Every structure is written in C-alpha cells, then in structure tokens.
Full PDB file with SEQRES, HELIX, SHEET, SSBOND, CRYST1, ORIGX, SCALE, CONECT and MASTER records, all heavy atoms in Angstrom:
SEQRES   1 A   40  LEU TYR LEU ILE GLN GLU ASP THR THR TRP THR ASP ASP          
SEQRES   2 A   40  GLU SER PHE ASP PRO VAL LYS PHE ASN GLU ASN ALA GLU          
SEQRES   3 A   40  LYS GLY MET LYS THR THR SER ALA CYS PRO SER ILE SER          
SEQRES   4 A   40  SER                                                          
HELIX    1 AA1 PRO A   18  GLU A   26  1                                   9    
SHEET    1 AA1 3 THR A   8  THR A  11  0                                        
SHEET    2 AA1 3 TYR A   2  GLN A   5 -1                                        
SHEET    3 AA1 3 THR A  31  ALA A  34 -1                                        
CRYST1    1.000    1.000    1.000  90.00  90.00  90.00 P 1           1          
ORIGX1      1.000000  0.000000  0.000000        0.00000                         
ORIGX2      0.000000  1.000000  0.000000        0.00000                         
ORIGX3      0.000000  0.000000  1.000000        0.00000                         
SCALE1      1.000000  0.000000  0.000000        0.00000                         
SCALE2      0.000000  1.000000  0.000000        0.00000                         
SCALE3      0.000000  0.000000  1.000000        0.00000                         
ATOM      1  N   LEU A   1      26.609  28.781 -36.042  1.00  0.00           N  
ATOM      2  CA  LEU A   1      25.564  29.688 -36.441  1.00  0.00           C  
ATOM      3  C   LEU A   1      24.637  28.941 -37.423  1.00  0.00           C  
ATOM      4  O   LEU A   1      24.844  27.830 -37.758  1.00  0.00           O  
ATOM      5  CB  LEU A   1      26.191  30.916 -37.100  1.00  0.00           C  
ATOM      6  CG  LEU A   1      26.928  31.855 -36.167  1.00  0.00           C  
ATOM      7  CD1 LEU A   1      28.400  31.627 -36.405  1.00  0.00           C  
ATOM      8  CD2 LEU A   1      26.507  33.302 -36.239  1.00  0.00           C  
ATOM      9  N   TYR A   2      23.673  29.693 -38.041  1.00  0.00           N  
ATOM     10  CA  TYR A   2      22.620  29.086 -38.875  1.00  0.00           C  
ATOM     11  C   TYR A   2      22.452  29.831 -40.078  1.00  0.00           C  
ATOM     12  O   TYR A   2      22.528  31.024 -40.132  1.00  0.00           O  
ATOM     13  CB  TYR A   2      21.464  28.804 -38.197  1.00  0.00           C  
ATOM     14  CG  TYR A   2      21.490  28.028 -36.766  1.00  0.00           C  
ATOM     15  CD1 TYR A   2      21.696  28.706 -35.634  1.00  0.00           C  
ATOM     16  CD2 TYR A   2      21.427  26.623 -36.818  1.00  0.00           C  
ATOM     17  CE1 TYR A   2      21.841  27.883 -34.374  1.00  0.00           C  
ATOM     18  CE2 TYR A   2      21.532  25.875 -35.640  1.00  0.00           C  
ATOM     19  CZ  TYR A   2      21.845  26.478 -34.499  1.00  0.00           C  
ATOM     20  OH  TYR A   2      22.089  25.767 -33.342  1.00  0.00           O  
ATOM     21  N   LEU A   3      22.141  29.099 -41.221  1.00  0.00           N  
ATOM     22  CA  LEU A   3      21.701  29.816 -42.368  1.00  0.00           C  
ATOM     23  C   LEU A   3      20.303  29.209 -42.629  1.00  0.00           C  
ATOM     24  O   LEU A   3      19.975  28.045 -42.664  1.00  0.00           O  
ATOM     25  CB  LEU A   3      22.562  29.477 -43.519  1.00  0.00           C  
ATOM     26  CG  LEU A   3      23.988  29.984 -43.487  1.00  0.00           C  
ATOM     27  CD1 LEU A   3      24.946  29.314 -44.447  1.00  0.00           C  
ATOM     28  CD2 LEU A   3      23.870  31.500 -43.808  1.00  0.00           C  
ATOM     29  N   ILE A   4      19.324  30.096 -43.033  1.00  0.00           N  
ATOM     30  CA  ILE A   4      18.010  29.723 -43.272  1.00  0.00           C  
ATOM     31  C   ILE A   4      17.535  30.071 -44.640  1.00  0.00           C  
ATOM     32  O   ILE A   4      17.592  31.225 -45.099  1.00  0.00           O  
ATOM     33  CB  ILE A   4      17.053  30.490 -42.177  1.00  0.00           C  
ATOM     34  CG1 ILE A   4      17.513  30.230 -40.761  1.00  0.00           C  
ATOM     35  CG2 ILE A   4      15.579  30.114 -42.414  1.00  0.00           C  
ATOM     36  CD1 ILE A   4      17.037  31.170 -39.702  1.00  0.00           C  
ATOM     37  N   GLN A   5      16.990  28.973 -45.328  1.00  0.00           N  
ATOM     38  CA  GLN A   5      16.518  29.119 -46.684  1.00  0.00           C  
ATOM     39  C   GLN A   5      15.008  28.615 -46.739  1.00  0.00           C  
ATOM     40  O   GLN A   5      14.718  27.497 -46.509  1.00  0.00           O  
ATOM     41  CB  GLN A   5      17.140  28.300 -47.634  1.00  0.00           C  
ATOM     42  CG  GLN A   5      18.623  28.738 -47.984  1.00  0.00           C  
ATOM     43  CD  GLN A   5      19.384  27.942 -48.982  1.00  0.00           C  
ATOM     44  OE1 GLN A   5      19.331  26.597 -48.736  1.00  0.00           O  
ATOM     45  NE2 GLN A   5      20.175  28.361 -49.849  1.00  0.00           N  
ATOM     46  N   GLU A   6      14.042  29.724 -46.682  1.00  0.00           N  
ATOM     47  CA  GLU A   6      12.741  29.491 -46.613  1.00  0.00           C  
ATOM     48  C   GLU A   6      12.298  28.448 -45.359  1.00  0.00           C  
ATOM     49  O   GLU A   6      12.579  28.850 -44.240  1.00  0.00           O  
ATOM     50  CB  GLU A   6      12.138  28.863 -47.889  1.00  0.00           C  
ATOM     51  CG  GLU A   6      12.416  29.883 -49.071  1.00  0.00           C  
ATOM     52  CD  GLU A   6      11.887  29.469 -50.431  1.00  0.00           C  
ATOM     53  OE1 GLU A   6      11.282  28.275 -50.383  1.00  0.00           O  
ATOM     54  OE2 GLU A   6      11.869  30.217 -51.317  1.00  0.00           O  
ATOM     55  N   ASP A   7      12.021  27.194 -45.533  1.00  0.00           N  
ATOM     56  CA  ASP A   7      11.582  26.345 -44.483  1.00  0.00           C  
ATOM     57  C   ASP A   7      12.735  25.484 -44.190  1.00  0.00           C  
ATOM     58  O   ASP A   7      12.486  24.448 -43.310  1.00  0.00           O  
ATOM     59  CB  ASP A   7      10.361  25.564 -44.744  1.00  0.00           C  
ATOM     60  CG  ASP A   7      10.654  24.621 -46.004  1.00  0.00           C  
ATOM     61  OD1 ASP A   7      11.542  24.809 -46.789  1.00  0.00           O  
ATOM     62  OD2 ASP A   7       9.714  23.870 -46.434  1.00  0.00           O  
ATOM     63  N   THR A   8      13.930  25.685 -44.616  1.00  0.00           N  
ATOM     64  CA  THR A   8      15.068  24.846 -44.311  1.00  0.00           C  
ATOM     65  C   THR A   8      16.111  25.507 -43.485  1.00  0.00           C  
ATOM     66  O   THR A   8      16.531  26.780 -43.902  1.00  0.00           O  
ATOM     67  CB  THR A   8      15.776  24.195 -45.541  1.00  0.00           C  
ATOM     68  OG1 THR A   8      14.752  23.584 -46.392  1.00  0.00           O  
ATOM     69  CG2 THR A   8      16.996  23.313 -45.169  1.00  0.00           C  
ATOM     70  N   THR A   9      16.486  25.049 -42.335  1.00  0.00           N  
ATOM     71  CA  THR A   9      17.644  25.671 -41.487  1.00  0.00           C  
ATOM     72  C   THR A   9      18.790  24.824 -41.585  1.00  0.00           C  
ATOM     73  O   THR A   9      18.929  23.629 -41.365  1.00  0.00           O  
ATOM     74  CB  THR A   9      17.047  25.711 -40.029  1.00  0.00           C  
ATOM     75  OG1 THR A   9      15.907  26.633 -40.012  1.00  0.00           O  
ATOM     76  CG2 THR A   9      18.248  26.338 -39.147  1.00  0.00           C  
ATOM     77  N   TRP A  10      19.987  25.464 -42.029  1.00  0.00           N  
ATOM     78  CA  TRP A  10      21.195  24.836 -42.097  1.00  0.00           C  
ATOM     79  C   TRP A  10      22.143  25.052 -40.973  1.00  0.00           C  
ATOM     80  O   TRP A  10      22.193  26.234 -40.633  1.00  0.00           O  
ATOM     81  CB  TRP A  10      22.035  25.113 -43.366  1.00  0.00           C  
ATOM     82  CG  TRP A  10      21.187  24.987 -44.719  1.00  0.00           C  
ATOM     83  CD1 TRP A  10      20.354  25.760 -45.295  1.00  0.00           C  
ATOM     84  CD2 TRP A  10      21.343  23.834 -45.435  1.00  0.00           C  
ATOM     85  NE1 TRP A  10      19.837  25.154 -46.446  1.00  0.00           N  
ATOM     86  CE2 TRP A  10      20.312  23.990 -46.582  1.00  0.00           C  
ATOM     87  CE3 TRP A  10      22.064  22.647 -45.399  1.00  0.00           C  
ATOM     88  CZ2 TRP A  10      20.280  23.017 -47.741  1.00  0.00           C  
ATOM     89  CZ3 TRP A  10      21.916  21.647 -46.466  1.00  0.00           C  
ATOM     90  CH2 TRP A  10      21.032  21.865 -47.340  1.00  0.00           C  
ATOM     91  N   THR A  11      22.599  24.066 -40.248  1.00  0.00           N  
ATOM     92  CA  THR A  11      23.505  24.319 -39.240  1.00  0.00           C  
ATOM     93  C   THR A  11      24.921  24.387 -39.763  1.00  0.00           C  
ATOM     94  O   THR A  11      25.317  23.501 -40.528  1.00  0.00           O  
ATOM     95  CB  THR A  11      23.454  23.087 -38.178  1.00  0.00           C  
ATOM     96  OG1 THR A  11      22.068  22.946 -37.751  1.00  0.00           O  
ATOM     97  CG2 THR A  11      24.349  23.267 -36.998  1.00  0.00           C  
ATOM     98  N   ASP A  12      25.678  25.359 -39.372  1.00  0.00           N  
ATOM     99  CA  ASP A  12      27.010  25.589 -39.855  1.00  0.00           C  
ATOM    100  C   ASP A  12      27.972  24.730 -39.120  1.00  0.00           C  
ATOM    101  O   ASP A  12      28.781  25.204 -38.270  1.00  0.00           O  
ATOM    102  CB  ASP A  12      27.437  27.087 -39.712  1.00  0.00           C  
ATOM    103  CG  ASP A  12      28.696  27.341 -40.453  1.00  0.00           C  
ATOM    104  OD1 ASP A  12      29.136  26.504 -41.249  1.00  0.00           O  
ATOM    105  OD2 ASP A  12      29.149  28.580 -40.243  1.00  0.00           O  
ATOM    106  N   ASP A  13      27.953  23.446 -39.380  1.00  0.00           N  
ATOM    107  CA  ASP A  13      28.954  22.465 -38.761  1.00  0.00           C  
ATOM    108  C   ASP A  13      29.188  21.367 -39.812  1.00  0.00           C  
ATOM    109  O   ASP A  13      29.069  21.629 -40.989  1.00  0.00           O  
ATOM    110  CB  ASP A  13      28.401  21.835 -37.397  1.00  0.00           C  
ATOM    111  CG  ASP A  13      26.993  21.125 -37.676  1.00  0.00           C  
ATOM    112  OD1 ASP A  13      26.663  20.878 -38.865  1.00  0.00           O  
ATOM    113  OD2 ASP A  13      26.300  20.812 -36.716  1.00  0.00           O  
ATOM    114  N   GLU A  14      29.722  20.264 -39.346  1.00  0.00           N  
ATOM    115  CA  GLU A  14      30.109  19.188 -40.221  1.00  0.00           C  
ATOM    116  C   GLU A  14      29.027  18.742 -41.116  1.00  0.00           C  
ATOM    117  O   GLU A  14      29.165  18.049 -42.173  1.00  0.00           O  
ATOM    118  CB  GLU A  14      30.732  17.991 -39.557  1.00  0.00           C  
ATOM    119  CG  GLU A  14      32.032  18.264 -38.754  1.00  0.00           C  
ATOM    120  CD  GLU A  14      31.911  19.062 -37.485  1.00  0.00           C  
ATOM    121  OE1 GLU A  14      30.601  19.269 -37.038  1.00  0.00           O  
ATOM    122  OE2 GLU A  14      32.845  19.452 -36.778  1.00  0.00           O  
ATOM    123  N   SER A  15      27.622  18.873 -40.690  1.00  0.00           N  
ATOM    124  CA  SER A  15      26.513  18.403 -41.446  1.00  0.00           C  
ATOM    125  C   SER A  15      26.119  19.311 -42.655  1.00  0.00           C  
ATOM    126  O   SER A  15      25.315  18.829 -43.392  1.00  0.00           O  
ATOM    127  CB  SER A  15      25.284  18.313 -40.555  1.00  0.00           C  
ATOM    128  OG  SER A  15      24.816  19.527 -40.119  1.00  0.00           O  
ATOM    129  N   PHE A  16      26.761  20.544 -42.681  1.00  0.00           N  
ATOM    130  CA  PHE A  16      26.341  21.432 -43.747  1.00  0.00           C  
ATOM    131  C   PHE A  16      26.653  20.987 -45.166  1.00  0.00           C  
ATOM    132  O   PHE A  16      27.864  20.434 -45.331  1.00  0.00           O  
ATOM    133  CB  PHE A  16      27.168  22.730 -43.522  1.00  0.00           C  
ATOM    134  CG  PHE A  16      26.832  23.814 -44.559  1.00  0.00           C  
ATOM    135  CD1 PHE A  16      25.644  24.649 -44.396  1.00  0.00           C  
ATOM    136  CD2 PHE A  16      27.711  24.149 -45.529  1.00  0.00           C  
ATOM    137  CE1 PHE A  16      25.432  25.502 -45.450  1.00  0.00           C  
ATOM    138  CE2 PHE A  16      27.361  25.135 -46.459  1.00  0.00           C  
ATOM    139  CZ  PHE A  16      26.203  25.803 -46.502  1.00  0.00           C  
ATOM    140  N   ASP A  17      25.769  21.006 -46.094  1.00  0.00           N  
ATOM    141  CA  ASP A  17      25.909  20.441 -47.435  1.00  0.00           C  
ATOM    142  C   ASP A  17      26.046  21.613 -48.346  1.00  0.00           C  
ATOM    143  O   ASP A  17      24.972  22.125 -48.760  1.00  0.00           O  
ATOM    144  CB  ASP A  17      24.671  19.599 -47.715  1.00  0.00           C  
ATOM    145  CG  ASP A  17      24.869  18.890 -49.061  1.00  0.00           C  
ATOM    146  OD1 ASP A  17      25.717  19.292 -49.849  1.00  0.00           O  
ATOM    147  OD2 ASP A  17      24.001  17.925 -49.438  1.00  0.00           O  
ATOM    148  N   PRO A  18      27.164  22.055 -48.657  1.00  0.00           N  
ATOM    149  CA  PRO A  18      27.339  23.201 -49.549  1.00  0.00           C  
ATOM    150  C   PRO A  18      26.772  23.026 -50.958  1.00  0.00           C  
ATOM    151  O   PRO A  18      26.204  23.932 -51.519  1.00  0.00           O  
ATOM    152  CB  PRO A  18      28.881  23.507 -49.725  1.00  0.00           C  
ATOM    153  CG  PRO A  18      29.437  22.175 -49.356  1.00  0.00           C  
ATOM    154  CD  PRO A  18      28.475  21.504 -48.320  1.00  0.00           C  
ATOM    155  N   VAL A  19      26.725  21.814 -51.480  1.00  0.00           N  
ATOM    156  CA  VAL A  19      26.256  21.520 -52.800  1.00  0.00           C  
ATOM    157  C   VAL A  19      24.576  21.835 -52.835  1.00  0.00           C  
ATOM    158  O   VAL A  19      24.103  22.465 -53.647  1.00  0.00           O  
ATOM    159  CB  VAL A  19      26.445  20.094 -53.209  1.00  0.00           C  
ATOM    160  CG1 VAL A  19      25.784  19.809 -54.589  1.00  0.00           C  
ATOM    161  CG2 VAL A  19      28.006  19.966 -53.385  1.00  0.00           C  
ATOM    162  N   LYS A  20      24.044  21.160 -51.931  1.00  0.00           N  
ATOM    163  CA  LYS A  20      22.450  21.338 -51.792  1.00  0.00           C  
ATOM    164  C   LYS A  20      22.282  22.912 -51.470  1.00  0.00           C  
ATOM    165  O   LYS A  20      21.221  23.303 -52.073  1.00  0.00           O  
ATOM    166  CB  LYS A  20      21.953  20.410 -50.839  1.00  0.00           C  
ATOM    167  CG  LYS A  20      20.453  20.471 -50.678  1.00  0.00           C  
ATOM    168  CD  LYS A  20      19.710  20.058 -52.019  1.00  0.00           C  
ATOM    169  CE  LYS A  20      18.236  19.981 -51.860  1.00  0.00           C  
ATOM    170  NZ  LYS A  20      17.601  19.785 -53.140  1.00  0.00           N  
ATOM    171  N   PHE A  21      22.967  23.395 -50.570  1.00  0.00           N  
ATOM    172  CA  PHE A  21      22.665  24.662 -50.122  1.00  0.00           C  
ATOM    173  C   PHE A  21      22.696  25.670 -51.476  1.00  0.00           C  
ATOM    174  O   PHE A  21      21.968  26.597 -51.607  1.00  0.00           O  
ATOM    175  CB  PHE A  21      23.696  25.202 -49.076  1.00  0.00           C  
ATOM    176  CG  PHE A  21      23.592  26.517 -48.641  1.00  0.00           C  
ATOM    177  CD1 PHE A  21      22.615  26.967 -47.770  1.00  0.00           C  
ATOM    178  CD2 PHE A  21      24.414  27.633 -49.250  1.00  0.00           C  
ATOM    179  CE1 PHE A  21      22.665  28.341 -47.408  1.00  0.00           C  
ATOM    180  CE2 PHE A  21      24.283  28.929 -48.985  1.00  0.00           C  
ATOM    181  CZ  PHE A  21      23.449  29.294 -47.804  1.00  0.00           C  
ATOM    182  N   ASN A  22      23.904  25.421 -52.300  1.00  0.00           N  
ATOM    183  CA  ASN A  22      24.039  26.274 -53.543  1.00  0.00           C  
ATOM    184  C   ASN A  22      22.916  26.035 -54.418  1.00  0.00           C  
ATOM    185  O   ASN A  22      22.600  27.040 -55.149  1.00  0.00           O  
ATOM    186  CB  ASN A  22      25.407  26.084 -54.006  1.00  0.00           C  
ATOM    187  CG  ASN A  22      26.494  26.748 -53.041  1.00  0.00           C  
ATOM    188  OD1 ASN A  22      26.239  27.611 -52.337  1.00  0.00           O  
ATOM    189  ND2 ASN A  22      27.607  26.143 -53.170  1.00  0.00           N  
ATOM    190  N   GLU A  23      22.515  24.849 -54.558  1.00  0.00           N  
ATOM    191  CA  GLU A  23      21.470  24.472 -55.470  1.00  0.00           C  
ATOM    192  C   GLU A  23      20.154  25.348 -55.026  1.00  0.00           C  
ATOM    193  O   GLU A  23      19.488  25.844 -55.952  1.00  0.00           O  
ATOM    194  CB  GLU A  23      21.153  22.976 -55.468  1.00  0.00           C  
ATOM    195  CG  GLU A  23      22.110  22.120 -56.088  1.00  0.00           C  
ATOM    196  CD  GLU A  23      21.841  20.570 -55.977  1.00  0.00           C  
ATOM    197  OE1 GLU A  23      20.870  20.395 -55.311  1.00  0.00           O  
ATOM    198  OE2 GLU A  23      22.570  19.878 -56.598  1.00  0.00           O  
ATOM    199  N   ASN A  24      19.862  25.365 -53.781  1.00  0.00           N  
ATOM    200  CA  ASN A  24      18.728  26.108 -53.262  1.00  0.00           C  
ATOM    201  C   ASN A  24      18.847  27.540 -53.603  1.00  0.00           C  
ATOM    202  O   ASN A  24      17.863  28.291 -54.105  1.00  0.00           O  
ATOM    203  CB  ASN A  24      18.505  25.884 -51.953  1.00  0.00           C  
ATOM    204  CG  ASN A  24      17.944  24.563 -51.527  1.00  0.00           C  
ATOM    205  OD1 ASN A  24      17.553  23.796 -52.410  1.00  0.00           O  
ATOM    206  ND2 ASN A  24      18.132  24.229 -50.302  1.00  0.00           N  
ATOM    207  N   ALA A  25      20.140  28.143 -53.376  1.00  0.00           N  
ATOM    208  CA  ALA A  25      20.371  29.531 -53.597  1.00  0.00           C  
ATOM    209  C   ALA A  25      20.244  29.870 -55.160  1.00  0.00           C  
ATOM    210  O   ALA A  25      19.639  30.914 -55.400  1.00  0.00           O  
ATOM    211  CB  ALA A  25      21.831  29.942 -53.165  1.00  0.00           C  
ATOM    212  N   GLU A  26      20.660  28.971 -55.958  1.00  0.00           N  
ATOM    213  CA  GLU A  26      20.605  29.228 -57.373  1.00  0.00           C  
ATOM    214  C   GLU A  26      19.098  29.100 -57.873  1.00  0.00           C  
ATOM    215  O   GLU A  26      18.718  29.741 -58.939  1.00  0.00           O  
ATOM    216  CB  GLU A  26      21.411  28.174 -58.285  1.00  0.00           C  
ATOM    217  CG  GLU A  26      22.771  28.395 -58.123  1.00  0.00           C  
ATOM    218  CD  GLU A  26      23.570  27.148 -58.645  1.00  0.00           C  
ATOM    219  OE1 GLU A  26      23.007  26.251 -59.202  1.00  0.00           O  
ATOM    220  OE2 GLU A  26      24.808  27.167 -58.598  1.00  0.00           O  
ATOM    221  N   LYS A  27      18.193  28.462 -57.099  1.00  0.00           N  
ATOM    222  CA  LYS A  27      16.838  28.471 -57.403  1.00  0.00           C  
ATOM    223  C   LYS A  27      16.092  29.828 -56.930  1.00  0.00           C  
ATOM    224  O   LYS A  27      14.969  29.953 -57.127  1.00  0.00           O  
ATOM    225  CB  LYS A  27      16.142  27.327 -56.712  1.00  0.00           C  
ATOM    226  CG  LYS A  27      16.634  25.985 -57.350  1.00  0.00           C  
ATOM    227  CD  LYS A  27      15.918  24.827 -56.459  1.00  0.00           C  
ATOM    228  CE  LYS A  27      16.395  23.427 -56.924  1.00  0.00           C  
ATOM    229  NZ  LYS A  27      15.835  22.299 -56.201  1.00  0.00           N  
ATOM    230  N   GLY A  28      16.855  30.640 -56.290  1.00  0.00           N  
ATOM    231  CA  GLY A  28      16.317  31.978 -55.895  1.00  0.00           C  
ATOM    232  C   GLY A  28      15.723  31.880 -54.544  1.00  0.00           C  
ATOM    233  O   GLY A  28      15.113  32.899 -54.053  1.00  0.00           O  
ATOM    234  N   MET A  29      16.029  30.915 -53.695  1.00  0.00           N  
ATOM    235  CA  MET A  29      15.568  30.934 -52.279  1.00  0.00           C  
ATOM    236  C   MET A  29      16.255  31.893 -51.479  1.00  0.00           C  
ATOM    237  O   MET A  29      17.383  32.057 -51.473  1.00  0.00           O  
ATOM    238  CB  MET A  29      15.950  29.467 -51.725  1.00  0.00           C  
ATOM    239  CG  MET A  29      14.995  28.334 -52.106  1.00  0.00           C  
ATOM    240  SD  MET A  29      15.206  26.900 -51.055  1.00  0.00           S  
ATOM    241  CE  MET A  29      14.092  25.753 -51.956  1.00  0.00           C  
ATOM    242  N   LYS A  30      15.417  32.744 -50.911  1.00  0.00           N  
ATOM    243  CA  LYS A  30      15.973  33.869 -50.046  1.00  0.00           C  
ATOM    244  C   LYS A  30      16.809  33.126 -48.804  1.00  0.00           C  
ATOM    245  O   LYS A  30      16.292  32.256 -48.300  1.00  0.00           O  
ATOM    246  CB  LYS A  30      14.903  34.605 -49.462  1.00  0.00           C  
ATOM    247  CG  LYS A  30      15.396  35.813 -48.591  1.00  0.00           C  
ATOM    248  CD  LYS A  30      14.181  36.667 -48.045  1.00  0.00           C  
ATOM    249  CE  LYS A  30      14.714  37.829 -47.126  1.00  0.00           C  
ATOM    250  NZ  LYS A  30      13.622  38.653 -46.615  1.00  0.00           N  
ATOM    251  N   THR A  31      17.860  33.701 -48.517  1.00  0.00           N  
ATOM    252  CA  THR A  31      18.799  33.033 -47.393  1.00  0.00           C  
ATOM    253  C   THR A  31      19.036  34.210 -46.260  1.00  0.00           C  
ATOM    254  O   THR A  31      19.388  35.335 -46.692  1.00  0.00           O  
ATOM    255  CB  THR A  31      20.011  32.512 -47.962  1.00  0.00           C  
ATOM    256  OG1 THR A  31      19.725  31.619 -48.873  1.00  0.00           O  
ATOM    257  CG2 THR A  31      20.861  31.901 -46.870  1.00  0.00           C  
ATOM    258  N   THR A  32      18.898  33.917 -45.135  1.00  0.00           N  
ATOM    259  CA  THR A  32      19.173  34.669 -44.019  1.00  0.00           C  
ATOM    260  C   THR A  32      20.065  33.874 -43.033  1.00  0.00           C  
ATOM    261  O   THR A  32      20.127  32.689 -43.118  1.00  0.00           O  
ATOM    262  CB  THR A  32      18.034  35.306 -43.272  1.00  0.00           C  
ATOM    263  OG1 THR A  32      17.105  34.136 -42.788  1.00  0.00           O  
ATOM    264  CG2 THR A  32      17.201  36.081 -44.223  1.00  0.00           C  
ATOM    265  N   SER A  33      20.681  34.536 -42.085  1.00  0.00           N  
ATOM    266  CA  SER A  33      21.561  33.849 -41.051  1.00  0.00           C  
ATOM    267  C   SER A  33      20.947  34.157 -39.684  1.00  0.00           C  
ATOM    268  O   SER A  33      20.137  35.138 -39.422  1.00  0.00           O  
ATOM    269  CB  SER A  33      23.082  34.339 -41.094  1.00  0.00           C  
ATOM    270  OG  SER A  33      23.122  35.773 -40.960  1.00  0.00           O  
ATOM    271  N   ALA A  34      21.354  33.346 -38.707  1.00  0.00           N  
ATOM    272  CA  ALA A  34      20.861  33.346 -37.462  1.00  0.00           C  
ATOM    273  C   ALA A  34      22.064  33.062 -36.394  1.00  0.00           C  
ATOM    274  O   ALA A  34      22.723  32.119 -36.727  1.00  0.00           O  
ATOM    275  CB  ALA A  34      19.718  32.515 -37.042  1.00  0.00           C  
ATOM    276  N   CYS A  35      22.081  33.709 -35.373  1.00  0.00           N  
ATOM    277  CA  CYS A  35      23.155  33.377 -34.260  1.00  0.00           C  
ATOM    278  C   CYS A  35      22.830  32.257 -33.510  1.00  0.00           C  
ATOM    279  O   CYS A  35      21.711  31.678 -33.358  1.00  0.00           O  
ATOM    280  CB  CYS A  35      23.392  34.557 -33.426  1.00  0.00           C  
ATOM    281  SG  CYS A  35      21.946  35.061 -32.333  1.00  0.00           S  
ATOM    282  N   PRO A  36      23.744  31.521 -32.804  1.00  0.00           N  
ATOM    283  CA  PRO A  36      23.595  30.486 -31.850  1.00  0.00           C  
ATOM    284  C   PRO A  36      22.672  30.948 -30.791  1.00  0.00           C  
ATOM    285  O   PRO A  36      22.619  32.054 -30.326  1.00  0.00           O  
ATOM    286  CB  PRO A  36      24.997  30.267 -31.271  1.00  0.00           C  
ATOM    287  CG  PRO A  36      25.953  30.828 -32.215  1.00  0.00           C  
ATOM    288  CD  PRO A  36      25.285  32.026 -32.793  1.00  0.00           C  
ATOM    289  N   SER A  37      21.862  29.887 -30.341  1.00  0.00           N  
ATOM    290  CA  SER A  37      20.995  30.224 -29.084  1.00  0.00           C  
ATOM    291  C   SER A  37      21.747  30.394 -27.787  1.00  0.00           C  
ATOM    292  O   SER A  37      22.919  29.847 -27.751  1.00  0.00           O  
ATOM    293  CB  SER A  37      20.001  29.130 -29.021  1.00  0.00           C  
ATOM    294  OG  SER A  37      20.590  27.772 -28.557  1.00  0.00           O  
ATOM    295  N   ILE A  38      21.126  30.844 -26.759  1.00  0.00           N  
ATOM    296  CA  ILE A  38      21.804  31.013 -25.420  1.00  0.00           C  
ATOM    297  C   ILE A  38      22.031  29.513 -24.978  1.00  0.00           C  
ATOM    298  O   ILE A  38      23.037  29.229 -24.394  1.00  0.00           O  
ATOM    299  CB  ILE A  38      20.858  31.748 -24.534  1.00  0.00           C  
ATOM    300  CG1 ILE A  38      20.739  33.211 -24.877  1.00  0.00           C  
ATOM    301  CG2 ILE A  38      21.296  31.616 -23.010  1.00  0.00           C  
ATOM    302  CD1 ILE A  38      19.789  34.041 -24.193  1.00  0.00           C  
ATOM    303  N   SER A  39      21.076  28.685 -25.141  1.00  0.00           N  
ATOM    304  CA  SER A  39      21.259  27.122 -24.694  1.00  0.00           C  
ATOM    305  C   SER A  39      22.443  26.571 -25.419  1.00  0.00           C  
ATOM    306  O   SER A  39      23.112  25.747 -24.789  1.00  0.00           O  
ATOM    307  CB  SER A  39      19.976  26.428 -24.825  1.00  0.00           C  
ATOM    308  OG  SER A  39      19.576  26.389 -26.268  1.00  0.00           O  
ATOM    309  N   SER A  40      22.735  26.867 -26.651  1.00  0.00           N  
ATOM    310  CA  SER A  40      23.845  26.284 -27.396  1.00  0.00           C  
ATOM    311  C   SER A  40      25.144  26.665 -26.793  1.00  0.00           C  
ATOM    312  O   SER A  40      26.083  25.937 -26.603  1.00  0.00           O  
ATOM    313  CB  SER A  40      23.810  26.771 -28.882  1.00  0.00           C  
ATOM    314  OG  SER A  40      22.696  26.172 -29.519  1.00  0.00           O  
TER     315      SER A  40                                                      
MASTER        0    0    0    1    3    0    0    6  314    1    0    4          
END                                                                             
C-alpha cells in the first residue's frame, strides 16, 4: 500500500524510511494512504 505526504509518496515495502517519514509528520505534513493499483 502507499502513504502520501504532500508531494512525497511512500511505498510500504523494504524501501520505507520510518525516520524520514516521522520527521515529515512532525513538521505537520498531512498524510493519507492509498491502496495498491490493479496493475500491482
């Protein structure tokens, strides 16, 4: 699945960087989630 912070899209896999993600969240960046695509 995906997490979206303004213009940054995070893929919920091994590449996900929780430290940077949380830094963005602490700055007040709005976060939403998105489901996998049909092609995925």
